Each structure stands twice: as structure tokens, then as C-alpha cells.
C-alpha atoms as a PDB file:
ATOM      1  CA  UNK A   1      11.097  20.840 -15.307  1.00  0.00           C
ATOM      2  CA  UNK A   2       7.691  21.759 -13.390  1.00  0.00           C
ATOM      3  CA  UNK A   3       6.108  18.636 -14.208  1.00  0.00           C
ATOM      4  CA  UNK A   4       8.604  16.496 -12.574  1.00  0.00           C
ATOM      5  CA  UNK A   5       6.947  16.832  -8.976  1.00  0.00           C
ATOM      6  CA  UNK A   6       4.111  15.162 -11.140  1.00  0.00           C
ATOM      7  CA  UNK A   7       5.928  12.305 -12.705  1.00  0.00           C
ATOM      8  CA  UNK A   8       7.436  11.567  -9.086  1.00  0.00           C
ATOM      9  CA  UNK A   9       3.384  11.635  -8.668  1.00  0.00           C
ATOM     10  CA  UNK A  10       2.380   9.197 -10.993  1.00  0.00           C
ATOM     11  CA  UNK A  11       5.041   7.018 -10.232  1.00  0.00           C
ATOM     12  CA  UNK A  12       4.700   7.070  -6.346  1.00  0.00           C
ATOM     13  CA  UNK A  13       0.936   6.718  -7.106  1.00  0.00           C
ATOM     14  CA  UNK A  14       1.318   3.734  -9.583  1.00  0.00           C
ATOM     15  CA  UNK A  15       3.304   1.905  -7.111  1.00  0.00           C
ATOM     16  CA  UNK A  16       1.309   2.182  -4.217  1.00  0.00           C
ATOM     17  CA  UNK A  17      -1.532   1.109  -6.098  1.00  0.00           C
ATOM     18  CA  UNK A  18       0.380  -1.991  -7.598  1.00  0.00           C
ATOM     19  CA  UNK A  19       1.497  -2.971  -4.067  1.00  0.00           C
ATOM     20  CA  UNK A  20      -1.968  -2.712  -2.603  1.00  0.00           C
ATOM     21  CA  UNK A  21      -3.119  -5.088  -5.390  1.00  0.00           C
ATOM     22  CA  UNK A  22      -0.089  -7.420  -4.668  1.00  0.00           C
ATOM     23  CA  UNK A  23      -1.254  -7.125  -0.896  1.00  0.00           C
ATOM     24  CA  UNK A  24      -4.920  -8.251  -1.832  1.00  0.00           C
ATOM     25  CA  UNK A  25      -4.070 -11.531  -3.921  1.00  0.00           C
ATOM     26  CA  UNK A  26      -1.286 -11.975  -0.772  1.00  0.00           C
ATOM     27  CA  UNK A  27      -3.931 -12.208   1.549  1.00  0.00           C
ATOM     28  CA  UNK A  28      -6.274 -14.639  -0.535  1.00  0.00           C
ATOM     29  CA  UNK A  29      -3.423 -17.080  -1.577  1.00  0.00           C
ATOM     30  CA  UNK A  30      -2.062 -16.779   2.459  1.00  0.00           C
ATOM     31  CA  UNK A  31      -6.020 -17.410   3.831  1.00  0.00           C
ATOM     32  CA  UNK A  32      -6.596 -20.549   1.651  1.00  0.00           C
ATOM     33  CA  UNK A  33      -4.438 -23.120   3.939  1.00  0.00           C
ATOM     34  CA  UNK A  34      -6.637 -21.314   6.911  1.00  0.00           C
ATOM     35  CA  UNK A  35      -9.937 -21.801   5.040  1.00  0.00           C
ATOM     36  CA  UNK A  36      -8.274 -25.120   4.743  1.00  0.00           C
ATOM     37  CA  UNK A  37      -7.789 -26.217   8.071  1.00  0.00           C
ATOM     38  CA  UNK A  38     -11.285 -24.526   8.915  1.00  0.00           C
ATOM     39  CA  UNK A  39     -13.224 -27.002   6.425  1.00  0.00           C
ATOM     40  CA  UNK A  40     -11.180 -29.752   8.146  1.00  0.00           C
ATOM     41  CA  UNK A  41     -12.772 -28.783  11.780  1.00  0.00           C
ATOM     42  CA  UNK A  42      -9.637 -27.126  13.208  1.00  0.00           C
ATOM     43  CA  UNK A  43     -10.685 -25.340  16.269  1.00  0.00           C
ATOM     44  CA  UNK A  44     -11.999 -21.750  15.368  1.00  0.00           C
ATOM     45  CA  UNK A  45      -9.810 -19.955  18.128  1.00  0.00           C
ATOM     46  CA  UNK A  46      -6.885 -21.658  16.539  1.00  0.00           C
ATOM     47  CA  UNK A  47      -7.767 -20.695  12.658  1.00  0.00           C
ATOM     48  CA  UNK A  48      -8.840 -17.151  14.130  1.00  0.00           C
ATOM     49  CA  UNK A  49      -5.463 -16.478  15.825  1.00  0.00           C
ATOM     50  CA  UNK A  50      -3.511 -17.984  12.549  1.00  0.00           C
ATOM     51  CA  UNK A  51      -5.599 -14.929  10.138  1.00  0.00           C
ATOM     52  CA  UNK A  52      -5.065 -12.515  12.604  1.00  0.00           C
ATOM     53  CA  UNK A  53      -0.991 -13.494  12.723  1.00  0.00           C
ATOM     54  CA  UNK A  54      -1.217 -13.296   8.762  1.00  0.00           C
ATOM     55  CA  UNK A  55      -2.594 -10.570   8.310  1.00  0.00           C
ATOM     56  CA  UNK A  56      -0.766  -8.450  10.546  1.00  0.00           C
ATOM     57  CA  UNK A  57       2.293  -9.701   9.024  1.00  0.00           C
ATOM     58  CA  UNK A  58       1.743  -9.150   5.527  1.00  0.00           C
ATOM     59  CA  UNK A  59       0.156  -5.685   6.508  1.00  0.00           C
ATOM     60  CA  UNK A  60       3.222  -4.562   8.245  1.00  0.00           C
ATOM     61  CA  UNK A  61       5.044  -5.750   5.059  1.00  0.00           C
ATOM     62  CA  UNK A  62       3.111  -4.049   2.727  1.00  0.00           C
ATOM     63  CA  UNK A  63       2.518  -0.619   5.070  1.00  0.00           C
ATOM     64  CA  UNK A  64       6.653  -0.936   4.917  1.00  0.00           C
ATOM     65  CA  UNK A  65       6.382  -0.750   1.167  1.00  0.00           C
ATOM     66  CA  UNK A  66       4.436   2.216   1.269  1.00  0.00           C
ATOM     67  CA  UNK A  67       6.496   3.984   3.920  1.00  0.00           C
ATOM     68  CA  UNK A  68       9.965   3.286   1.554  1.00  0.00           C
ATOM     69  CA  UNK A  69       8.080   4.489  -1.508  1.00  0.00           C
ATOM     70  CA  UNK A  70       7.017   7.777   0.195  1.00  0.00           C
ATOM     71  CA  UNK A  71      10.196   8.039   1.396  1.00  0.00           C
ATOM     72  CA  UNK A  72      12.295   7.546  -1.707  1.00  0.00           C
ATOM     73  CA  UNK A  73       8.971  10.355  -3.432  1.00  0.00           C
ATOM     74  CA  UNK A  74       9.982  12.567  -0.907  1.00  0.00           C
ATOM     75  CA  UNK A  75      13.826  12.594  -1.951  1.00  0.00           C
ATOM     76  CA  UNK A  76      13.040  12.251  -5.634  1.00  0.00           C
ATOM     77  CA  UNK A  77      11.113  15.334  -5.545  1.00  0.00           C
ATOM     78  CA  UNK A  78      14.004  17.450  -3.457  1.00  0.00           C
ATOM     79  CA  UNK A  79      16.355  15.868  -6.000  1.00  0.00           C
ATOM     80  CA  UNK A  80      14.610  17.072  -8.432  1.00  0.00           C
ATOM     81  CA  UNK A  81      14.045  20.532  -6.849  1.00  0.00           C
ATOM     82  CA  UNK A  82      17.765  20.862  -6.576  1.00  0.00           C
ATOM     83  CA  UNK A  83      18.658  20.000 -10.069  1.00  0.00           C
ATOM     84  CA  UNK A  84      15.938  22.354 -11.475  1.00  0.00           C
ATOM     85  CA  UNK A  85      17.665  25.248  -9.185  1.00  0.00           C
ATOM     86  CA  UNK A  86      20.886  24.892  -9.992  1.00  0.00           C
ATOM     87  CA  UNK A  87      19.621  25.137 -13.871  1.00  0.00           C
ATOM     88  CA  UNK A  88      17.962  28.201 -13.324  1.00  0.00           C
ATOM     89  CA  UNK A  89      21.275  29.384 -11.603  1.00  0.00           C
ATOM     90  CA  UNK A  90      23.285  28.922 -15.003  1.00  0.00           C
ATOM     91  CA  UNK A  91      26.458  27.612 -15.581  1.00  0.00           C
END
């Protein structure tokens, strides 16, 4: 069962990378309406503020996803360690 922490790490890293990739796409797509407003001559101060709120909101969501992923990895590691200890102790 020594490979279990490696499995947990691989899954955690895959989720982290996937979440970061989705965040980048999310930011790009969400910025399109703001870019359209800029091209139509919307006040720069307003579009900058909207962009800041957008990035902050999206960033918070993905930071939370990454934090939950880390916590789940910690829990999974603990459970796997406990199972390994029980298995070593025998019936």
C-alpha cells in the first residue's frame, strides 16, 4: 500500500491542473463582454472595476476548489494510512 500516497498525489495534481486550466478558460470567456464594452467606448474606470470584480470572484471560486482538493487529499491519505495500519495489524 506504499503506492497509495502517490495515487492520492497524482489525483490531487490532476485536479489542481484541471481546475487551473478551467479557471483560465473561465477568465478568458468572462472577459469578452468587458472587452466588447471597451470597444464600444465604455468608460475605462467602469470596465477596469468590472474586470477586477470578475477576476476576484472567479479567483475566489477556484481558490476554494483547490483548497477543498488539498483537504480531500489529506483525508484520503489519512484513511489510506489507517487502512494500511489495520492491514498490518492483521485480523
